[in-house]
Amino acid sequence: MGKVTALATVDDRVLGGGTRASAEDAGGMLARRPMKIGYVLGAMGRGGAQLQVMHLTAGMVQRGHDVHALAYVRESGLDDELRDTGASFTVDVQRTRWAKLRLVRRWLRQGRFDVVHAVLNHASSLTLFARWPARRPAIIATDFSSATFSAHQPELRFSLSSYVLADSVVTETEVNLHNLVRLVPLLRGKTRVIRNGIDAQRFSPAAAGASNRDLPFRFCVVATVYEVKNPNGVIDAIAELDRRGHTGFRVDWYGRLGIPGSDENGQQALAYAAASRVADRIVFHGDTPDIEGAYRRSDALLLASFREGFPNAVSEGMACGLPIVVSNVSDLPAVVAEANNGYVFDPNDPIAIADAMERMLMTPTAQRDAMGRRSRELALRWFALDRFLDDFESLYRHLADRSARAGSNRAPT
């Protein structure tokens, strides 16, 4: 794939990752008037997209902007956490599509926003249709992986086609950007990559002198335990390594056991590990409040997902100085190519997973340490939280200014 820029459009207009936006977009940005920014999402949750919303609302409030958010699907245990960022957050549960459309239209009319950022596919298409036929406020639509992994679904294809109504489209990977434009060529020129942001102070390497070298080698997985994250493939790879005589390692898996409300409750993975006779080599810890400590107690990050947007676990683990062993999905191969910080495998092949894990086990300690340092360096360049906030703030300002020049300050009617 080659080098991936930190923020780019299909037409090569670079807005971030070392090259800042134009003077009109970014110059004097913080000294100008605060913006009124809206976020629309189905519901808060534990996913990566919702975590980025938390970063955005907190960051924009801290930068002096008037921030509001609307959720329309359900309440969540994380709602108060979002409110704690200082944003005004409304949860108004609606059951039908028409009710949701009316709710968002009313919210847009009353809000008089400078810019609205819709999170994920359903919220993006809903917000775009709710604004139509008006052209204000400026709306950003987002897609993180659907164009790559779910475009065969007619409803999603229709949703992505509606993005032609957006003022800008944001995704988080080069792979998904190119798939978006392939599916909807009219998005060329308005679609850009803004990579996720992480708190690099929270996610930092273990203190000098801390070492796990008197312990078994520890692979760390941070993911919900369900089919997409490929727990059975990891278990099969562990069994294969066991057959090859590798015994000095274990896999620590941190994350919820299954998806609430679904048939995937995580118990299947535990049962499969027991049936494969590797239950002593993989530990499912469930959620942990000290995930940064889990990274620091580990020797390498393992991620075997079948599909991803861009996993926060990878950027967090890299920021903690871990080398990585990852599936060949999303921009993960580009990360490894850029930083030379690990190994890539096909998640559909347990033997390939085992081969990559074995390579990491056999990599000399000094070389692994160097991989970890390069992981940290790339995480700071590509995933720094300030860069993430700067890029979005610059985009918000650019779209709000353009919208204001194009029409009056009236709300949609």
Protein backbone atom coordinates (compact mmCIF):
# COMPACT_ATOMS: atom_id res chain seq x y z
CA MET A 1 0.00 0.00 0.00
CA GLY A 2 2.91 2.33 0.64
CA LYS A 3 3.15 5.24 2.98
CA VAL A 4 -0.15 6.51 4.37
CA THR A 5 -0.47 10.20 5.12
CA ALA A 6 -2.02 11.23 8.40
CA LEU A 7 -4.84 13.13 6.70
CA ALA A 8 -5.55 13.31 2.99
CA THR A 9 -8.30 13.60 0.41
CA VAL A 10 -8.52 11.55 -2.74
CA ASP A 11 -7.34 14.57 -4.71
CA ASP A 12 -4.19 14.73 -2.53
CA ARG A 13 -5.13 17.87 -0.58
CA VAL A 14 -3.32 17.29 2.70
CA LEU A 15 -4.82 18.80 5.84
CA GLY A 16 -2.82 17.18 8.61
CA GLY A 17 -0.07 14.85 9.73
CA GLY A 18 2.69 17.41 9.60
CA THR A 19 1.24 19.59 6.81
CA ARG A 20 -1.34 21.99 8.10
CA ALA A 21 -4.44 23.29 6.38
CA SER A 22 -4.39 26.43 4.25
CA ALA A 23 -4.06 29.79 5.95
CA GLU A 24 -7.75 30.44 5.33
CA ASP A 25 -8.72 27.18 7.04
CA ALA A 26 -6.35 27.14 10.00
CA GLY A 27 -4.65 30.49 10.43
CA GLY A 28 -5.72 32.22 13.60
CA MET A 29 -8.30 29.49 14.14
CA LEU A 30 -8.38 29.58 17.93
CA ALA A 31 -8.53 33.36 18.06
CA ARG A 32 -11.74 33.50 16.02
CA ARG A 33 -15.27 33.29 17.33
CA PRO A 34 -16.44 30.06 18.96
CA MET A 35 -18.51 27.76 16.79
CA LYS A 36 -21.75 26.02 17.67
CA ILE A 37 -21.08 22.37 16.87
CA GLY A 38 -23.61 19.54 16.83
CA TYR A 39 -23.06 15.78 16.91
CA VAL A 40 -25.72 13.27 15.86
CA LEU A 41 -25.40 9.59 16.77
CA GLY A 42 -27.65 6.62 17.35
CA ALA A 43 -26.46 6.03 20.90
CA MET A 44 -23.38 6.20 23.03
CA GLY A 45 -21.66 2.88 23.43
CA ARG A 46 -18.33 1.19 23.96
CA GLY A 47 -17.26 1.19 20.33
CA GLY A 48 -14.30 3.00 18.85
CA ALA A 49 -16.47 5.57 17.06
CA GLN A 50 -18.18 6.56 20.30
CA LEU A 51 -14.82 6.88 22.03
CA GLN A 52 -13.73 9.33 19.35
CA VAL A 53 -16.97 11.31 19.89
CA MET A 54 -16.02 11.56 23.57
CA HIS A 55 -12.60 12.92 22.60
CA LEU A 56 -14.17 15.40 20.18
CA THR A 57 -16.83 16.77 22.52
CA ALA A 58 -14.34 17.17 25.37
CA GLY A 59 -11.73 18.75 23.11
CA MET A 60 -14.10 21.17 21.42
CA VAL A 61 -15.57 22.28 24.75
CA GLN A 62 -12.07 22.87 26.11
CA ARG A 63 -11.32 24.97 23.04
CA GLY A 64 -14.25 27.23 23.81
CA HIS A 65 -16.89 25.97 21.39
CA ASP A 66 -20.61 25.50 22.15
CA VAL A 67 -21.08 21.73 21.81
CA HIS A 68 -24.37 19.82 21.58
CA ALA A 69 -25.11 16.16 20.87
CA LEU A 70 -28.26 14.20 20.02
CA ALA A 71 -28.91 10.45 20.31
CA TYR A 72 -32.14 8.89 19.08
CA VAL A 73 -31.89 5.08 19.43
CA ARG A 74 -31.47 4.35 23.15
CA GLU A 75 -30.07 5.57 26.42
CA SER A 76 -26.66 4.31 27.50
CA GLY A 77 -24.66 3.96 30.68
CA LEU A 78 -22.12 6.29 29.06
CA ASP A 79 -24.56 9.19 28.53
CA ASP A 80 -23.55 10.98 31.72
CA GLU A 81 -19.89 10.52 30.85
CA LEU A 82 -20.47 12.43 27.62
CA ARG A 83 -22.33 15.15 29.53
CA ASP A 84 -19.37 15.36 31.90
CA THR A 85 -17.27 16.63 28.97
CA GLY A 86 -19.32 19.84 29.16
CA ALA A 87 -21.43 19.14 26.09
CA SER A 88 -25.22 19.51 26.11
CA PHE A 89 -26.45 15.98 25.34
CA THR A 90 -30.05 15.12 24.49
CA VAL A 91 -31.31 11.53 24.31
CA ASP A 92 -34.76 11.34 22.70
CA VAL A 93 -35.57 7.73 21.82
CA GLN A 94 -37.66 7.32 18.66
CA ARG A 95 -38.91 4.00 17.27
CA THR A 96 -39.72 4.68 13.62
CA ARG A 97 -37.64 6.14 10.82
CA TRP A 98 -40.10 8.97 10.28
CA ALA A 99 -40.06 9.87 13.97
CA LYS A 100 -36.26 9.92 13.94
CA LEU A 101 -36.27 12.07 10.81
CA ARG A 102 -38.70 14.57 12.37
CA LEU A 103 -36.64 14.69 15.57
CA VAL A 104 -33.36 15.42 13.80
CA ARG A 105 -35.01 17.99 11.49
CA ARG A 106 -36.45 19.82 14.49
CA TRP A 107 -33.11 19.67 16.30
CA LEU A 108 -31.31 21.15 13.28
CA ARG A 109 -33.87 23.95 12.92
CA GLN A 110 -33.77 24.92 16.56
CA GLY A 111 -30.03 24.50 17.01
CA ARG A 112 -28.77 27.09 14.52
CA PHE A 113 -25.49 25.18 14.33
CA ASP A 114 -22.42 26.28 12.42
CA VAL A 115 -21.56 22.68 11.61
CA VAL A 116 -23.02 19.25 12.42
CA HIS A 117 -20.94 16.09 12.59
CA ALA A 118 -22.98 12.90 12.07
CA VAL A 119 -21.43 9.73 13.46
CA LEU A 120 -21.59 6.51 11.40
CA ASN A 121 -23.83 5.56 8.49
CA HIS A 122 -27.36 5.67 9.81
CA ALA A 123 -26.91 8.96 11.63
CA SER A 124 -25.17 10.45 8.60
CA SER A 125 -27.89 9.62 6.07
CA LEU A 126 -30.63 10.52 8.56
CA THR A 127 -29.09 13.94 9.23
CA LEU A 128 -28.58 14.65 5.54
CA PHE A 129 -32.19 13.85 4.70
CA ALA A 130 -33.40 15.83 7.72
CA ARG A 131 -31.60 18.93 6.44
CA TRP A 132 -32.84 18.59 2.84
CA PRO A 133 -33.62 20.73 0.87
CA ALA A 134 -31.83 23.36 2.96
CA ARG A 135 -28.06 23.71 2.71
CA ARG A 136 -27.36 24.89 6.24
CA PRO A 137 -25.86 23.96 8.59
CA ALA A 138 -22.78 22.36 7.07
CA ILE A 139 -22.88 18.59 7.63
CA ILE A 140 -20.02 16.10 7.90
CA ALA A 141 -20.95 12.47 7.16
CA THR A 142 -18.75 9.63 8.38
CA ASP A 143 -18.06 6.05 7.40
CA PHE A 144 -15.32 3.98 9.04
CA SER A 145 -15.53 0.56 7.40
CA SER A 146 -18.90 -0.11 5.75
CA ALA A 147 -17.66 0.77 2.27
CA THR A 148 -14.99 -1.89 2.69
CA PHE A 149 -16.81 -4.71 4.46
CA SER A 150 -20.57 -4.20 4.11
CA ALA A 151 -21.13 -2.50 0.77
CA HIS A 152 -22.97 -5.58 -0.57
CA GLN A 153 -25.90 -4.72 1.71
CA PRO A 154 -28.46 -2.67 -0.29
CA GLU A 155 -29.45 -0.46 2.65
CA LEU A 156 -25.84 0.48 3.32
CA ARG A 157 -25.19 1.18 -0.36
CA PHE A 158 -28.18 3.52 -0.34
CA SER A 159 -26.93 5.16 2.84
CA LEU A 160 -23.49 5.75 1.35
CA SER A 161 -25.02 7.13 -1.84
CA SER A 162 -26.79 9.79 0.25
CA TYR A 163 -23.37 11.14 1.22
CA VAL A 164 -23.32 13.17 -2.00
CA LEU A 165 -25.53 15.60 -0.04
CA ALA A 166 -22.82 16.11 2.60
CA ASP A 167 -20.48 19.09 2.73
CA SER A 168 -17.63 16.75 3.64
CA VAL A 169 -17.15 13.03 4.25
CA VAL A 170 -14.64 11.73 6.79
CA THR A 171 -13.26 8.24 7.20
CA GLU A 172 -10.35 6.97 9.29
CA THR A 173 -8.40 4.81 6.83
CA GLU A 174 -7.00 5.09 3.33
CA VAL A 175 -8.45 1.68 2.49
CA ASN A 176 -12.00 2.78 3.28
CA LEU A 177 -11.52 6.12 1.54
CA HIS A 178 -10.68 4.42 -1.73
CA ASN A 179 -13.58 1.99 -1.37
CA LEU A 180 -15.98 4.86 -0.69
CA VAL A 181 -14.92 6.64 -3.85
CA ARG A 182 -15.04 3.43 -5.84
CA LEU A 183 -18.64 2.84 -4.74
CA VAL A 184 -19.77 6.48 -5.03
CA PRO A 185 -17.49 8.31 -7.49
CA LEU A 186 -19.26 11.63 -6.78
CA LEU A 187 -17.57 11.59 -3.36
CA ARG A 188 -14.20 12.18 -4.99
CA GLY A 189 -12.77 15.45 -3.75
CA LYS A 190 -15.00 15.78 -0.67
CA THR A 191 -13.80 12.65 1.17
CA ARG A 192 -10.81 12.76 3.48
CA VAL A 193 -9.01 10.70 6.10
CA ILE A 194 -8.71 11.89 9.68
CA ARG A 195 -7.02 9.32 11.83
CA ASN A 196 -8.18 8.57 15.37
CA GLY A 197 -6.80 10.42 18.36
CA ILE A 198 -5.47 8.90 21.56
CA ASP A 199 -4.28 10.30 24.86
CA ALA A 200 -0.55 9.67 24.53
CA GLN A 201 0.09 10.63 28.16
CA ARG A 202 -2.36 8.03 29.45
CA PHE A 203 -1.16 5.46 26.93
CA SER A 204 2.60 5.53 27.43
CA PRO A 205 5.29 2.87 27.82
CA ALA A 206 6.07 1.16 31.10
CA ALA A 207 8.54 2.93 33.34
CA ALA A 208 12.21 2.34 32.64
CA GLY A 209 13.37 -0.81 34.37
CA ALA A 210 9.93 -2.43 34.42
CA SER A 211 10.15 -5.80 32.71
CA ASN A 212 8.09 -8.92 32.18
CA ARG A 213 11.09 -10.96 31.11
CA ASP A 214 10.94 -13.29 34.09
CA LEU A 215 7.37 -14.18 33.06
CA PRO A 216 5.98 -16.04 30.07
CA PHE A 217 5.84 -13.93 26.93
CA ARG A 218 2.49 -12.12 26.96
CA PHE A 219 0.42 -11.32 23.90
CA CYS A 220 -2.28 -8.78 24.68
CA VAL A 221 -5.65 -8.72 22.88
CA VAL A 222 -8.04 -5.83 23.57
CA ALA A 223 -11.41 -6.47 21.94
CA THR A 224 -14.94 -7.61 22.66
CA VAL A 225 -15.08 -11.41 22.49
CA TYR A 226 -17.27 -12.17 19.50
CA GLU A 227 -16.99 -13.65 16.02
CA VAL A 228 -15.68 -10.57 14.18
CA LYS A 229 -12.70 -10.39 16.55
CA ASN A 230 -11.82 -14.00 15.68
CA PRO A 231 -11.31 -15.64 19.09
CA ASN A 232 -11.49 -19.11 17.53
CA GLY A 233 -8.72 -18.26 15.08
CA VAL A 234 -6.52 -17.13 17.97
CA ILE A 235 -7.32 -20.31 19.88
CA ASP A 236 -6.46 -22.45 16.85
CA ALA A 237 -3.18 -20.56 16.47
CA ILE A 238 -2.33 -21.18 20.13
CA ALA A 239 -3.02 -24.90 19.65
CA GLU A 240 -0.76 -24.90 16.58
CA LEU A 241 2.06 -23.22 18.51
CA ASP A 242 1.59 -25.78 21.25
CA ARG A 243 2.06 -28.56 18.68
CA ARG A 244 5.26 -26.84 17.55
CA GLY A 245 6.60 -26.96 21.09
CA HIS A 246 6.17 -23.30 22.07
CA THR A 247 5.11 -23.23 25.70
CA GLY A 248 6.65 -20.04 27.09
CA PHE A 249 3.82 -17.66 26.22
CA ARG A 250 0.22 -16.80 27.04
CA VAL A 251 -2.52 -14.64 25.56
CA ASP A 252 -4.33 -12.16 27.79
CA TRP A 253 -7.66 -11.10 26.24
CA TYR A 254 -9.29 -7.98 27.69
CA GLY A 255 -12.82 -7.01 26.71
CA ARG A 256 -16.47 -7.84 27.18
CA LEU A 257 -17.55 -11.45 26.80
CA GLY A 258 -19.92 -11.09 23.88
CA ILE A 259 -22.39 -8.52 22.61
CA PRO A 260 -25.25 -7.64 24.99
CA GLY A 261 -28.60 -8.72 23.59
CA SER A 262 -27.12 -11.12 21.04
CA ASP A 263 -26.45 -14.85 20.96
CA GLU A 264 -22.72 -14.20 21.11
CA ASN A 265 -22.11 -14.17 24.85
CA GLY A 266 -18.43 -15.09 24.79
CA GLN A 267 -19.02 -18.44 26.46
CA GLN A 268 -18.52 -20.15 23.12
CA ALA A 269 -14.92 -18.95 23.03
CA LEU A 270 -14.25 -20.20 26.55
CA ALA A 271 -15.73 -23.58 25.66
CA TYR A 272 -13.71 -23.74 22.45
CA ALA A 273 -10.48 -22.96 24.31
CA ALA A 274 -11.24 -25.77 26.76
CA ALA A 275 -12.09 -28.21 23.96
CA SER A 276 -8.86 -27.25 22.18
CA ARG A 277 -6.90 -27.91 25.41
CA VAL A 278 -5.41 -24.42 25.52
CA ALA A 279 -7.54 -22.89 28.28
CA ASP A 280 -4.39 -22.48 30.38
CA ARG A 281 -2.72 -20.47 27.59
CA ILE A 282 -5.44 -17.88 26.96
CA VAL A 283 -7.11 -15.90 29.74
CA PHE A 284 -10.33 -13.97 29.10
CA HIS A 285 -10.20 -11.19 31.69
CA GLY A 286 -13.35 -9.30 30.71
CA ASP A 287 -13.40 -5.51 30.95
CA THR A 288 -10.68 -3.82 32.96
CA PRO A 289 -10.58 -0.18 34.16
CA ASP A 290 -6.78 -0.24 33.86
CA ILE A 291 -6.35 -1.05 30.19
CA GLU A 292 -3.17 1.00 29.97
CA GLY A 293 -1.71 -1.20 32.72
CA ALA A 294 -2.67 -4.27 30.69
CA TYR A 295 -0.69 -2.94 27.72
CA ARG A 296 2.32 -2.19 29.89
CA ARG A 297 2.34 -5.70 31.37
CA SER A 298 2.44 -7.18 27.87
CA ASP A 299 5.20 -7.92 25.39
CA ALA A 300 3.26 -7.58 22.11
CA LEU A 301 -0.19 -6.61 20.90
CA LEU A 302 -2.21 -9.23 19.00
CA LEU A 303 -5.26 -8.39 16.88
CA ALA A 304 -6.83 -11.04 14.64
CA SER A 305 -10.04 -9.31 13.54
CA PHE A 306 -11.74 -10.18 10.28
CA ARG A 307 -12.71 -6.53 9.76
CA GLU A 308 -12.01 -3.18 11.39
CA GLY A 309 -12.30 0.54 10.86
CA PHE A 310 -9.09 1.43 12.62
CA PRO A 311 -8.88 -0.32 15.99
CA ASN A 312 -8.17 1.95 18.95
CA ALA A 313 -6.43 -1.01 20.58
CA VAL A 314 -3.67 -0.87 17.98
CA SER A 315 -3.00 2.86 18.33
CA GLU A 316 -3.18 2.58 22.14
CA GLY A 317 -0.89 -0.44 22.26
CA MET A 318 1.59 1.27 19.95
CA ALA A 319 1.56 4.37 22.14
CA CYS A 320 2.43 2.08 25.07
CA GLY A 321 5.48 0.91 23.14
CA LEU A 322 4.30 -2.52 22.02
CA PRO A 323 5.30 -4.28 18.82
CA ILE A 324 2.23 -5.57 16.99
CA VAL A 325 1.01 -8.80 15.39
CA VAL A 326 -2.07 -7.91 13.35
CA SER A 327 -4.43 -9.06 10.62
CA ASN A 328 -4.11 -7.70 7.10
CA VAL A 329 -7.26 -5.57 7.27
CA SER A 330 -7.85 -1.82 7.21
CA ASP A 331 -4.64 0.24 7.22
CA LEU A 332 -2.83 -2.19 9.53
CA PRO A 333 -0.42 -3.42 6.82
CA ALA A 334 0.48 0.21 6.08
CA VAL A 335 1.18 0.82 9.78
CA VAL A 336 3.58 -2.12 9.93
CA ALA A 337 5.22 -1.07 6.66
CA GLU A 338 5.66 2.50 7.91
CA ALA A 339 7.03 1.67 11.36
CA ASN A 340 8.58 -1.77 10.81
CA ASN A 341 7.06 -2.61 14.18
CA GLY A 342 5.59 -6.10 13.79
CA TYR A 343 4.11 -8.79 11.60
CA VAL A 344 0.95 -9.13 9.51
CA PHE A 345 -1.16 -12.23 8.81
CA ASP A 346 -4.32 -13.43 7.08
CA PRO A 347 -6.98 -13.75 9.83
CA ASN A 348 -8.77 -16.48 7.86
CA ASP A 349 -5.77 -18.81 8.25
CA PRO A 350 -4.94 -19.98 11.81
CA ILE A 351 -1.60 -21.32 10.56
CA ALA A 352 -0.71 -17.84 9.31
CA ILE A 353 -1.70 -16.39 12.71
CA ALA A 354 0.52 -18.96 14.42
CA ASP A 355 3.39 -18.18 12.03
CA ALA A 356 3.22 -14.46 12.84
CA MET A 357 3.01 -15.09 16.58
CA GLU A 358 5.96 -17.48 16.29
CA ARG A 359 8.01 -14.84 14.46
CA MET A 360 7.38 -12.43 17.33
CA LEU A 361 8.30 -15.06 19.91
CA MET A 362 11.54 -15.75 18.04
CA THR A 363 12.44 -12.09 17.47
CA PRO A 364 15.46 -11.12 19.62
CA THR A 365 14.64 -8.95 22.61
CA ALA A 366 16.66 -5.98 21.39
CA GLN A 367 14.85 -6.06 18.05
CA ARG A 368 11.45 -6.25 19.75
CA ASP A 369 12.38 -3.30 21.94
CA ALA A 370 13.30 -1.31 18.83
CA MET A 371 9.97 -2.26 17.26
CA GLY A 372 8.22 -0.96 20.36
CA ARG A 373 10.04 2.36 20.18
CA ARG A 374 9.06 2.74 16.54
CA SER A 375 5.47 1.93 17.50
CA ARG A 376 5.48 4.78 20.00
CA GLU A 377 7.05 7.18 17.51
CA LEU A 378 4.45 6.45 14.83
CA ALA A 379 1.59 6.64 17.34
CA LEU A 380 2.70 10.14 18.30
CA ARG A 381 2.87 11.21 14.65
CA TRP A 382 -0.35 9.64 13.38
CA PHE A 383 -2.65 9.38 16.40
CA ALA A 384 -1.81 12.30 18.70
CA LEU A 385 -4.96 13.71 20.29
CA ASP A 386 -4.01 17.33 19.61
CA ARG A 387 -3.48 16.53 15.93
CA PHE A 388 -6.88 14.81 15.82
CA LEU A 389 -8.62 17.81 17.41
CA ASP A 390 -6.72 20.30 15.24
CA ASP A 391 -7.74 18.47 12.07
CA PHE A 392 -11.42 18.35 12.97
CA GLU A 393 -11.48 21.91 14.27
CA SER A 394 -9.87 23.10 11.04
CA LEU A 395 -12.43 21.19 8.98
CA TYR A 396 -15.33 22.52 11.08
CA ARG A 397 -14.07 26.07 10.66
CA HIS A 398 -13.54 25.70 6.92
CA LEU A 399 -17.05 24.29 6.34
CA ALA A 400 -18.75 26.78 8.67
CA ASP A 401 -17.03 29.72 6.98
CA ARG A 402 -17.85 28.41 3.52
CA SER A 403 -21.49 27.84 4.48
CA ALA A 404 -21.77 31.33 5.98
CA ARG A 405 -20.35 32.89 2.83
CA ALA A 406 -22.76 30.92 0.64
CA GLY A 407 -25.95 31.92 2.43
CA SER A 408 -27.55 33.71 5.33
CA ASN A 409 -27.27 32.75 9.00
CA ARG A 410 -30.83 31.46 9.11
CA ALA A 411 -31.52 27.95 10.42
CA PRO A 412 -33.01 25.37 8.01
CA THR A 413 -36.67 25.89 7.19
